[in-house]
Amino acid sequence: MWEIEARPGTVRGAVSGPGEAGRGEAGDPPTAVGQMLALSGWVGGGRQLTTTGQLLRADARELVELLETGNDERGTRSVAPLRGVQVLMAWAHFAGLVTTDGPCLGPGPAAARLREDPGALRDALFTAVPRLEDSRSGWQSVRLHLEGSVDFSAGLPALWRRLDAGSLTEEEAAWTVWDELTGRHHVEERQPPGLTSWRVVVARDVARALGLYRAVGAVRFDDGRIALTGYGRDRQPVAARHAPAGVGGAEGAVRGG
């Protein structure tokens, strides 16, 4: 699984506790809710970016520590701490929590409401997961480049239907999405030479998406199997449409200016 990037750590004590609607099944705030509240508090009324729309180096390092993207669950250093910040920043943009206006990173149009209502923030994050497919910061989604083929996120509703019927292994989850995306095509016969197998790419993207859903408390992992939580059973992912304007600046903002 993609635990380093999609579940980079819990920011406990750094944010006020959410109401019941924003809590996970164990009573604790979902990882992503705590991180986003901490990120929103850090942004405050606005943060200056470089002339190319990047985070300042000192700010990028500060966010790595605040959001704990440099540590995985075993306490070791991540190989890509800035990557974790990048994913969270893009996710926050898609949820309406932050926005980029030229050389300034500021609160998004929904920031005030979402900070006051962690349950609404959790819902906004859940809804925004498929939209990360369209961003440089989410993942390089599989593009089969076949006439009539669909984007990766179109497989997520099918995955949810399978999970609603019972738990799956990671391999079964990947196959579910693969079958949904390629049912009308002989995909392997069209694989461009020299590229990573499309099956491998789909499996990677499914793992990343599930990591995000886990961080928002919609799925859980038990003994190698993936199951919907009570929160996840009440929701259905919607395939991505178009990325909103203004996301690109924050997607590249962790390179360090």
C-alpha atoms as a PDB file:
ATOM      1  CA  MET A   1       0.000   0.000   0.000  1.00  0.00           C
ATOM      2  CA  TRP A   2       0.879   3.648  -0.401  1.00  0.00           C
ATOM      3  CA  GLU A   3       1.120   4.398   3.282  1.00  0.00           C
ATOM      4  CA  ILE A   4       3.965   6.925   3.158  1.00  0.00           C
ATOM      5  CA  GLU A   5       2.231   9.209   0.671  1.00  0.00           C
ATOM      6  CA  ALA A   6      -1.440   8.706   1.382  1.00  0.00           C
ATOM      7  CA  ARG A   7      -1.281   8.248   5.139  1.00  0.00           C
ATOM      8  CA  PRO A   8       1.728  10.287   6.185  1.00  0.00           C
ATOM      9  CA  GLY A   9       0.832  10.545   9.858  1.00  0.00           C
ATOM     10  CA  THR A  10      -1.650  11.943  12.332  1.00  0.00           C
ATOM     11  CA  VAL A  11      -1.361  15.478  13.629  1.00  0.00           C
ATOM     12  CA  ARG A  12      -2.676  15.026  17.131  1.00  0.00           C
ATOM     13  CA  GLY A  13      -2.732  17.916  19.553  1.00  0.00           C
ATOM     14  CA  ALA A  14      -2.052  20.424  16.786  1.00  0.00           C
ATOM     15  CA  VAL A  15      -5.717  20.983  16.002  1.00  0.00           C
ATOM     16  CA  SER A  16      -8.916  21.218  17.995  1.00  0.00           C
ATOM     17  CA  GLY A  17     -10.919  18.015  18.203  1.00  0.00           C
ATOM     18  CA  PRO A  18     -13.619  17.565  15.555  1.00  0.00           C
ATOM     19  CA  GLY A  19     -17.237  16.848  16.313  1.00  0.00           C
ATOM     20  CA  GLU A  20     -18.673  13.355  16.105  1.00  0.00           C
ATOM     21  CA  ALA A  21     -19.383  13.623  12.379  1.00  0.00           C
ATOM     22  CA  GLY A  22     -15.697  14.103  11.747  1.00  0.00           C
ATOM     23  CA  ARG A  23     -14.553  11.174  13.842  1.00  0.00           C
ATOM     24  CA  GLY A  24     -13.531   7.716  12.713  1.00  0.00           C
ATOM     25  CA  GLU A  25     -15.089   4.498  13.966  1.00  0.00           C
ATOM     26  CA  ALA A  26     -12.622   4.327  16.858  1.00  0.00           C
ATOM     27  CA  GLY A  27     -13.578   7.842  17.970  1.00  0.00           C
ATOM     28  CA  ASP A  28     -10.393   9.511  16.752  1.00  0.00           C
ATOM     29  CA  PRO A  29     -10.420  12.040  13.905  1.00  0.00           C
ATOM     30  CA  PRO A  30      -9.474  10.434  10.590  1.00  0.00           C
ATOM     31  CA  THR A  31      -5.852  11.068   9.699  1.00  0.00           C
ATOM     32  CA  ALA A  32      -6.660  13.311   6.758  1.00  0.00           C
ATOM     33  CA  VAL A  33      -9.053  15.505   8.753  1.00  0.00           C
ATOM     34  CA  GLY A  34      -6.400  16.285  11.347  1.00  0.00           C
ATOM     35  CA  GLN A  35      -3.788  16.964   8.698  1.00  0.00           C
ATOM     36  CA  MET A  36      -6.069  19.268   6.719  1.00  0.00           C
ATOM     37  CA  LEU A  37      -7.070  21.260   9.781  1.00  0.00           C
ATOM     38  CA  ALA A  38      -3.396  21.648  10.617  1.00  0.00           C
ATOM     39  CA  LEU A  39      -2.603  22.658   7.032  1.00  0.00           C
ATOM     40  CA  SER A  40      -5.427  25.197   6.981  1.00  0.00           C
ATOM     41  CA  GLY A  41      -4.242  26.667  10.273  1.00  0.00           C
ATOM     42  CA  TRP A  42      -0.724  26.941   8.888  1.00  0.00           C
ATOM     43  CA  VAL A  43      -1.937  28.747   5.756  1.00  0.00           C
ATOM     44  CA  GLY A  44      -3.929  31.160   7.913  1.00  0.00           C
ATOM     45  CA  GLY A  45      -4.744  34.342   6.032  1.00  0.00           C
ATOM     46  CA  GLY A  46      -2.165  33.596   3.347  1.00  0.00           C
ATOM     47  CA  ARG A  47       1.391  32.464   2.632  1.00  0.00           C
ATOM     48  CA  GLN A  48       3.775  33.956   0.135  1.00  0.00           C
ATOM     49  CA  LEU A  49       4.991  31.711  -2.664  1.00  0.00           C
ATOM     50  CA  THR A  50       7.937  32.192  -4.961  1.00  0.00           C
ATOM     51  CA  THR A  51       7.549  34.034  -8.258  1.00  0.00           C
ATOM     52  CA  THR A  52       7.045  30.643  -9.925  1.00  0.00           C
ATOM     53  CA  GLY A  53       4.301  29.652  -7.486  1.00  0.00           C
ATOM     54  CA  GLN A  54       6.381  27.298  -5.317  1.00  0.00           C
ATOM     55  CA  LEU A  55       6.560  27.005  -1.555  1.00  0.00           C
ATOM     56  CA  LEU A  56       9.585  28.625   0.008  1.00  0.00           C
ATOM     57  CA  ARG A  57      12.124  26.017   1.085  1.00  0.00           C
ATOM     58  CA  ALA A  58      11.710  26.842   4.759  1.00  0.00           C
ATOM     59  CA  ASP A  59       7.925  26.572   4.470  1.00  0.00           C
ATOM     60  CA  ALA A  60       8.172  23.225   2.700  1.00  0.00           C
ATOM     61  CA  ARG A  61      10.406  21.869   5.468  1.00  0.00           C
ATOM     62  CA  GLU A  62       8.017  23.221   8.093  1.00  0.00           C
ATOM     63  CA  LEU A  63       5.075  21.442   6.469  1.00  0.00           C
ATOM     64  CA  VAL A  64       6.971  18.146   6.350  1.00  0.00           C
ATOM     65  CA  GLU A  65       7.302  18.326  10.127  1.00  0.00           C
ATOM     66  CA  LEU A  66       3.797  19.657  10.800  1.00  0.00           C
ATOM     67  CA  LEU A  67       2.039  17.087   8.627  1.00  0.00           C
ATOM     68  CA  GLU A  68       4.522  14.308   9.480  1.00  0.00           C
ATOM     69  CA  THR A  69       5.006  13.295   5.881  1.00  0.00           C
ATOM     70  CA  GLY A  70       8.597  12.293   6.621  1.00  0.00           C
ATOM     71  CA  ASN A  71       7.572   9.353   8.790  1.00  0.00           C
ATOM     72  CA  ASP A  72       5.684   6.195   8.012  1.00  0.00           C
ATOM     73  CA  GLU A  73       3.776   4.082  10.541  1.00  0.00           C
ATOM     74  CA  ARG A  74       6.958   2.393  11.747  1.00  0.00           C
ATOM     75  CA  GLY A  75       8.640   5.691  12.551  1.00  0.00           C
ATOM     76  CA  THR A  76      11.233   5.491   9.774  1.00  0.00           C
ATOM     77  CA  ARG A  77      11.996   8.281   7.358  1.00  0.00           C
ATOM     78  CA  SER A  78      10.013   8.415   4.145  1.00  0.00           C
ATOM     79  CA  VAL A  79      11.919   8.457   0.891  1.00  0.00           C
ATOM     80  CA  ALA A  80       9.666  11.238  -0.370  1.00  0.00           C
ATOM     81  CA  PRO A  81       8.493  13.538   2.469  1.00  0.00           C
ATOM     82  CA  LEU A  82       7.843  16.421   0.085  1.00  0.00           C
ATOM     83  CA  ARG A  83       5.741  14.139  -2.091  1.00  0.00           C
ATOM     84  CA  GLY A  84       3.418  13.635   0.872  1.00  0.00           C
ATOM     85  CA  VAL A  85       3.055  17.401   1.323  1.00  0.00           C
ATOM     86  CA  GLN A  86       2.403  17.759  -2.391  1.00  0.00           C
ATOM     87  CA  VAL A  87      -0.422  15.228  -2.308  1.00  0.00           C
ATOM     88  CA  LEU A  88      -2.032  16.827   0.736  1.00  0.00           C
ATOM     89  CA  MET A  89      -1.751  20.294  -0.784  1.00  0.00           C
ATOM     90  CA  ALA A  90      -3.435  19.218  -4.023  1.00  0.00           C
ATOM     91  CA  TRP A  91      -6.111  17.348  -2.055  1.00  0.00           C
ATOM     92  CA  ALA A  92      -6.790  20.491  -0.002  1.00  0.00           C
ATOM     93  CA  HIS A  93      -7.197  22.497  -3.225  1.00  0.00           C
ATOM     94  CA  PHE A  94      -9.716  20.062  -4.661  1.00  0.00           C
ATOM     95  CA  ALA A  95     -11.672  20.089  -1.386  1.00  0.00           C
ATOM     96  CA  GLY A  96     -11.870  23.901  -1.433  1.00  0.00           C
ATOM     97  CA  LEU A  97      -9.769  24.314   1.706  1.00  0.00           C
ATOM     98  CA  VAL A  98      -6.923  26.288   0.111  1.00  0.00           C
ATOM     99  CA  THR A  99      -6.421  28.163  -3.135  1.00  0.00           C
ATOM    100  CA  THR A 100      -3.550  29.667  -5.112  1.00  0.00           C
ATOM    101  CA  ASP A 101      -3.711  33.160  -6.552  1.00  0.00           C
ATOM    102  CA  GLY A 102      -0.505  34.030  -8.356  1.00  0.00           C
ATOM    103  CA  PRO A 103       2.342  34.086  -5.820  1.00  0.00           C
ATOM    104  CA  CYS A 104       0.025  33.641  -2.840  1.00  0.00           C
ATOM    105  CA  LEU A 105      -1.359  30.532  -1.144  1.00  0.00           C
ATOM    106  CA  GLY A 106      -4.502  31.387   0.798  1.00  0.00           C
ATOM    107  CA  PRO A 107      -7.694  30.001   2.328  1.00  0.00           C
ATOM    108  CA  GLY A 108     -10.063  28.460  -0.180  1.00  0.00           C
ATOM    109  CA  PRO A 109     -13.697  29.411  -0.767  1.00  0.00           C
ATOM    110  CA  ALA A 110     -14.938  26.760   1.675  1.00  0.00           C
ATOM    111  CA  ALA A 111     -12.149  27.113   4.271  1.00  0.00           C
ATOM    112  CA  ALA A 112     -14.124  28.877   6.992  1.00  0.00           C
ATOM    113  CA  ARG A 113     -17.044  26.460   6.773  1.00  0.00           C
ATOM    114  CA  LEU A 114     -14.880  23.344   6.621  1.00  0.00           C
ATOM    115  CA  ARG A 115     -12.725  24.383   9.575  1.00  0.00           C
ATOM    116  CA  GLU A 116     -15.863  24.843  11.672  1.00  0.00           C
ATOM    117  CA  ASP A 117     -17.407  21.540  10.542  1.00  0.00           C
ATOM    118  CA  PRO A 118     -14.927  18.626  10.434  1.00  0.00           C
ATOM    119  CA  GLY A 119     -17.716  16.320   9.269  1.00  0.00           C
ATOM    120  CA  ALA A 120     -18.192  18.488   6.181  1.00  0.00           C
ATOM    121  CA  LEU A 121     -14.419  18.580   5.716  1.00  0.00           C
ATOM    122  CA  ARG A 122     -14.318  14.801   5.801  1.00  0.00           C
ATOM    123  CA  ASP A 123     -17.083  14.626   3.194  1.00  0.00           C
ATOM    124  CA  ALA A 124     -15.294  17.166   0.988  1.00  0.00           C
ATOM    125  CA  LEU A 125     -12.087  15.136   1.155  1.00  0.00           C
ATOM    126  CA  PHE A 126     -13.923  11.918   0.304  1.00  0.00           C
ATOM    127  CA  THR A 127     -15.562  13.564  -2.705  1.00  0.00           C
ATOM    128  CA  ALA A 128     -12.254  15.028  -3.872  1.00  0.00           C
ATOM    129  CA  VAL A 129     -10.284  11.748  -3.967  1.00  0.00           C
ATOM    130  CA  PRO A 130     -11.138  10.830  -7.603  1.00  0.00           C
ATOM    131  CA  ARG A 131     -10.266  14.333  -8.774  1.00  0.00           C
ATOM    132  CA  LEU A 132      -6.646  13.803  -7.766  1.00  0.00           C
ATOM    133  CA  GLU A 133      -6.413  11.632 -10.856  1.00  0.00           C
ATOM    134  CA  ASP A 134      -6.376  14.805 -12.934  1.00  0.00           C
ATOM    135  CA  SER A 135      -3.518  16.406 -11.010  1.00  0.00           C
ATOM    136  CA  ARG A 136       0.230  15.993 -11.158  1.00  0.00           C
ATOM    137  CA  SER A 137       0.202  15.496  -7.404  1.00  0.00           C
ATOM    138  CA  GLY A 138      -2.290  12.662  -7.143  1.00  0.00           C
ATOM    139  CA  TRP A 139      -0.870   9.988  -9.379  1.00  0.00           C
ATOM    140  CA  GLN A 140       0.026   9.454 -12.979  1.00  0.00           C
ATOM    141  CA  SER A 141      -3.266   7.762 -13.693  1.00  0.00           C
ATOM    142  CA  VAL A 142      -3.440   5.005 -16.235  1.00  0.00           C
ATOM    143  CA  ARG A 143      -4.382   6.359 -19.643  1.00  0.00           C
ATOM    144  CA  LEU A 144      -5.125   3.413 -21.861  1.00  0.00           C
ATOM    145  CA  HIS A 145      -5.353   5.622 -24.953  1.00  0.00           C
ATOM    146  CA  LEU A 146      -7.957   3.389 -26.510  1.00  0.00           C
ATOM    147  CA  GLU A 147     -10.982   4.678 -28.345  1.00  0.00           C
ATOM    148  CA  GLY A 148     -13.910   4.751 -25.948  1.00  0.00           C
ATOM    149  CA  SER A 149     -11.791   3.916 -22.900  1.00  0.00           C
ATOM    150  CA  VAL A 150     -12.498   5.592 -19.578  1.00  0.00           C
ATOM    151  CA  ASP A 151     -10.240   7.259 -17.031  1.00  0.00           C
ATOM    152  CA  PHE A 152      -9.048   5.459 -13.937  1.00  0.00           C
ATOM    153  CA  SER A 153     -11.528   7.059 -11.549  1.00  0.00           C
ATOM    154  CA  ALA A 154     -14.421   5.519 -13.498  1.00  0.00           C
ATOM    155  CA  GLY A 155     -13.414   2.216 -11.919  1.00  0.00           C
ATOM    156  CA  LEU A 156     -13.866   3.454  -8.350  1.00  0.00           C
ATOM    157  CA  PRO A 157     -17.685   3.119  -8.230  1.00  0.00           C
ATOM    158  CA  ALA A 158     -17.326  -0.505  -9.379  1.00  0.00           C
ATOM    159  CA  LEU A 159     -14.760  -1.089  -6.643  1.00  0.00           C
ATOM    160  CA  TRP A 160     -17.140   0.372  -4.073  1.00  0.00           C
ATOM    161  CA  ARG A 161     -19.936  -1.931  -5.203  1.00  0.00           C
ATOM    162  CA  ARG A 162     -17.654  -4.948  -4.755  1.00  0.00           C
ATOM    163  CA  LEU A 163     -16.558  -3.761  -1.328  1.00  0.00           C
ATOM    164  CA  ASP A 164     -20.157  -3.217  -0.321  1.00  0.00           C
ATOM    165  CA  ALA A 165     -20.701  -6.936  -0.955  1.00  0.00           C
ATOM    166  CA  GLY A 166     -17.707  -7.979   1.152  1.00  0.00           C
ATOM    167  CA  SER A 167     -14.032  -7.428   1.854  1.00  0.00           C
ATOM    168  CA  LEU A 168     -11.362  -7.805  -0.843  1.00  0.00           C
ATOM    169  CA  THR A 169      -7.637  -8.386  -0.992  1.00  0.00           C
ATOM    170  CA  GLU A 170      -5.530  -5.701  -2.651  1.00  0.00           C
ATOM    171  CA  GLU A 171      -5.151  -7.948  -5.690  1.00  0.00           C
ATOM    172  CA  GLU A 172      -8.908  -8.465  -5.947  1.00  0.00           C
ATOM    173  CA  ALA A 173      -9.462  -4.713  -5.649  1.00  0.00           C
ATOM    174  CA  ALA A 174      -6.993  -4.060  -8.463  1.00  0.00           C
ATOM    175  CA  TRP A 175      -8.626  -6.686 -10.686  1.00  0.00           C
ATOM    176  CA  THR A 176     -12.065  -5.177 -10.062  1.00  0.00           C
ATOM    177  CA  VAL A 177     -10.953  -1.787 -11.362  1.00  0.00           C
ATOM    178  CA  TRP A 178      -8.969  -3.347 -14.217  1.00  0.00           C
ATOM    179  CA  ASP A 179     -12.004  -5.306 -15.410  1.00  0.00           C
ATOM    180  CA  GLU A 180     -14.175  -2.195 -15.261  1.00  0.00           C
ATOM    181  CA  LEU A 181     -11.713  -0.129 -17.285  1.00  0.00           C
ATOM    182  CA  THR A 182     -10.847  -2.703 -19.919  1.00  0.00           C
ATOM    183  CA  GLY A 183     -14.000  -4.774 -20.371  1.00  0.00           C
ATOM    184  CA  ARG A 184     -14.480  -3.581 -23.962  1.00  0.00           C
ATOM    185  CA  HIS A 185     -10.841  -3.800 -25.076  1.00  0.00           C
ATOM    186  CA  HIS A 186      -8.056  -6.301 -25.599  1.00  0.00           C
ATOM    187  CA  VAL A 187      -5.742  -4.021 -23.692  1.00  0.00           C
ATOM    188  CA  GLU A 188      -2.571  -6.069 -23.488  1.00  0.00           C
ATOM    189  CA  GLU A 189      -2.479  -6.358 -27.277  1.00  0.00           C
ATOM    190  CA  ARG A 190      -2.310  -2.551 -27.456  1.00  0.00           C
ATOM    191  CA  GLN A 191       0.376  -2.085 -24.794  1.00  0.00           C
ATOM    192  CA  PRO A 192       3.094   0.264 -26.124  1.00  0.00           C
ATOM    193  CA  PRO A 193       6.513  -1.431 -25.958  1.00  0.00           C
ATOM    194  CA  GLY A 194       8.904  -0.406 -23.234  1.00  0.00           C
ATOM    195  CA  LEU A 195       6.251   0.855 -20.807  1.00  0.00           C
ATOM    196  CA  THR A 196       5.322  -0.481 -17.390  1.00  0.00           C
ATOM    197  CA  SER A 197       2.486  -2.982 -17.748  1.00  0.00           C
ATOM    198  CA  TRP A 198      -0.915  -1.319 -17.629  1.00  0.00           C
ATOM    199  CA  ARG A 199      -1.970  -3.951 -15.111  1.00  0.00           C
ATOM    200  CA  VAL A 200       0.833  -2.808 -12.805  1.00  0.00           C
ATOM    201  CA  VAL A 201      -0.135   0.847 -13.267  1.00  0.00           C
ATOM    202  CA  VAL A 202      -3.777   0.148 -12.439  1.00  0.00           C
ATOM    203  CA  ALA A 203      -2.809  -1.838  -9.337  1.00  0.00           C
ATOM    204  CA  ARG A 204      -0.581   1.033  -8.189  1.00  0.00           C
ATOM    205  CA  ASP A 205      -3.328   3.608  -8.711  1.00  0.00           C
ATOM    206  CA  VAL A 206      -5.876   1.478  -6.857  1.00  0.00           C
ATOM    207  CA  ALA A 207      -3.476   1.185  -3.921  1.00  0.00           C
ATOM    208  CA  ARG A 208      -2.959   4.947  -3.872  1.00  0.00           C
ATOM    209  CA  ALA A 209      -6.664   5.711  -4.039  1.00  0.00           C
ATOM    210  CA  LEU A 210      -7.377   3.235  -1.246  1.00  0.00           C
ATOM    211  CA  GLY A 211      -4.648   4.862   0.830  1.00  0.00           C
ATOM    212  CA  LEU A 212      -6.484   8.175   0.530  1.00  0.00           C
ATOM    213  CA  TYR A 213      -9.811   6.567   1.369  1.00  0.00           C
ATOM    214  CA  ARG A 214      -8.217   4.961   4.390  1.00  0.00           C
ATOM    215  CA  ALA A 215      -6.837   8.320   5.515  1.00  0.00           C
ATOM    216  CA  VAL A 216     -10.352   9.768   5.429  1.00  0.00           C
ATOM    217  CA  GLY A 217     -11.778   6.758   7.275  1.00  0.00           C
ATOM    218  CA  ALA A 218     -13.857   5.273   4.444  1.00  0.00           C
ATOM    219  CA  VAL A 219     -12.020   1.920   4.286  1.00  0.00           C
ATOM    220  CA  ARG A 220     -10.036  -0.158   6.735  1.00  0.00           C
ATOM    221  CA  PHE A 221      -7.409  -2.863   6.346  1.00  0.00           C
ATOM    222  CA  ASP A 222      -7.767  -6.018   8.420  1.00  0.00           C
ATOM    223  CA  ASP A 223      -5.441  -9.002   8.037  1.00  0.00           C
ATOM    224  CA  GLY A 224      -4.586  -8.146   4.449  1.00  0.00           C
ATOM    225  CA  ARG A 225      -8.166  -7.471   3.426  1.00  0.00           C
ATOM    226  CA  ILE A 226      -9.897  -4.196   2.614  1.00  0.00           C
ATOM    227  CA  ALA A 227     -13.383  -3.441   3.907  1.00  0.00           C
ATOM    228  CA  LEU A 228     -15.681  -0.452   3.968  1.00  0.00           C
ATOM    229  CA  THR A 229     -16.190   1.319   7.262  1.00  0.00           C
ATOM    230  CA  GLY A 230     -19.619   2.467   8.374  1.00  0.00           C
ATOM    231  CA  TYR A 231     -18.759   5.868   6.956  1.00  0.00           C
ATOM    232  CA  GLY A 232     -17.704   4.364   3.643  1.00  0.00           C
ATOM    233  CA  ARG A 233     -20.878   2.297   3.295  1.00  0.00           C
ATOM    234  CA  ASP A 234     -22.962   5.460   3.341  1.00  0.00           C
ATOM    235  CA  ARG A 235     -21.079   6.985   0.418  1.00  0.00           C
ATOM    236  CA  GLN A 236     -20.266   6.291  -3.215  1.00  0.00           C
ATOM    237  CA  PRO A 237     -17.277   7.741  -5.076  1.00  0.00           C
ATOM    238  CA  VAL A 238     -18.023   9.644  -8.263  1.00  0.00           C
ATOM    239  CA  ALA A 239     -15.698   9.482 -11.262  1.00  0.00           C
ATOM    240  CA  ALA A 240     -13.548  12.580 -11.799  1.00  0.00           C
ATOM    241  CA  ARG A 241     -14.628  15.217 -14.245  1.00  0.00           C
ATOM    242  CA  HIS A 242     -12.428  18.272 -14.669  1.00  0.00           C
ATOM    243  CA  ALA A 243      -9.853  19.808 -12.350  1.00  0.00           C
ATOM    244  CA  PRO A 244     -10.741  23.295 -11.124  1.00  0.00           C
ATOM    245  CA  ALA A 245      -8.597  26.206 -12.202  1.00  0.00           C
ATOM    246  CA  GLY A 246      -5.798  27.282  -9.933  1.00  0.00           C
ATOM    247  CA  VAL A 247      -4.708  23.885  -8.655  1.00  0.00           C
ATOM    248  CA  GLY A 248      -1.482  23.685 -10.610  1.00  0.00           C
ATOM    249  CA  GLY A 249       0.413  26.230  -8.527  1.00  0.00           C
ATOM    250  CA  ALA A 250       0.114  24.290  -5.303  1.00  0.00           C
ATOM    251  CA  GLU A 251       0.793  20.980  -7.041  1.00  0.00           C
ATOM    252  CA  GLY A 252       4.308  22.080  -7.829  1.00  0.00           C
ATOM    253  CA  ALA A 253       4.666  24.148  -4.696  1.00  0.00           C
ATOM    254  CA  VAL A 254       6.778  21.664  -2.752  1.00  0.00           C
ATOM    255  CA  ARG A 255       9.802  21.747  -5.006  1.00  0.00           C
ATOM    256  CA  GLY A 256      11.227  24.474  -2.837  1.00  0.00           C
ATOM    257  CA  GLY A 257      11.949  27.954  -4.145  1.00  0.00           C
END
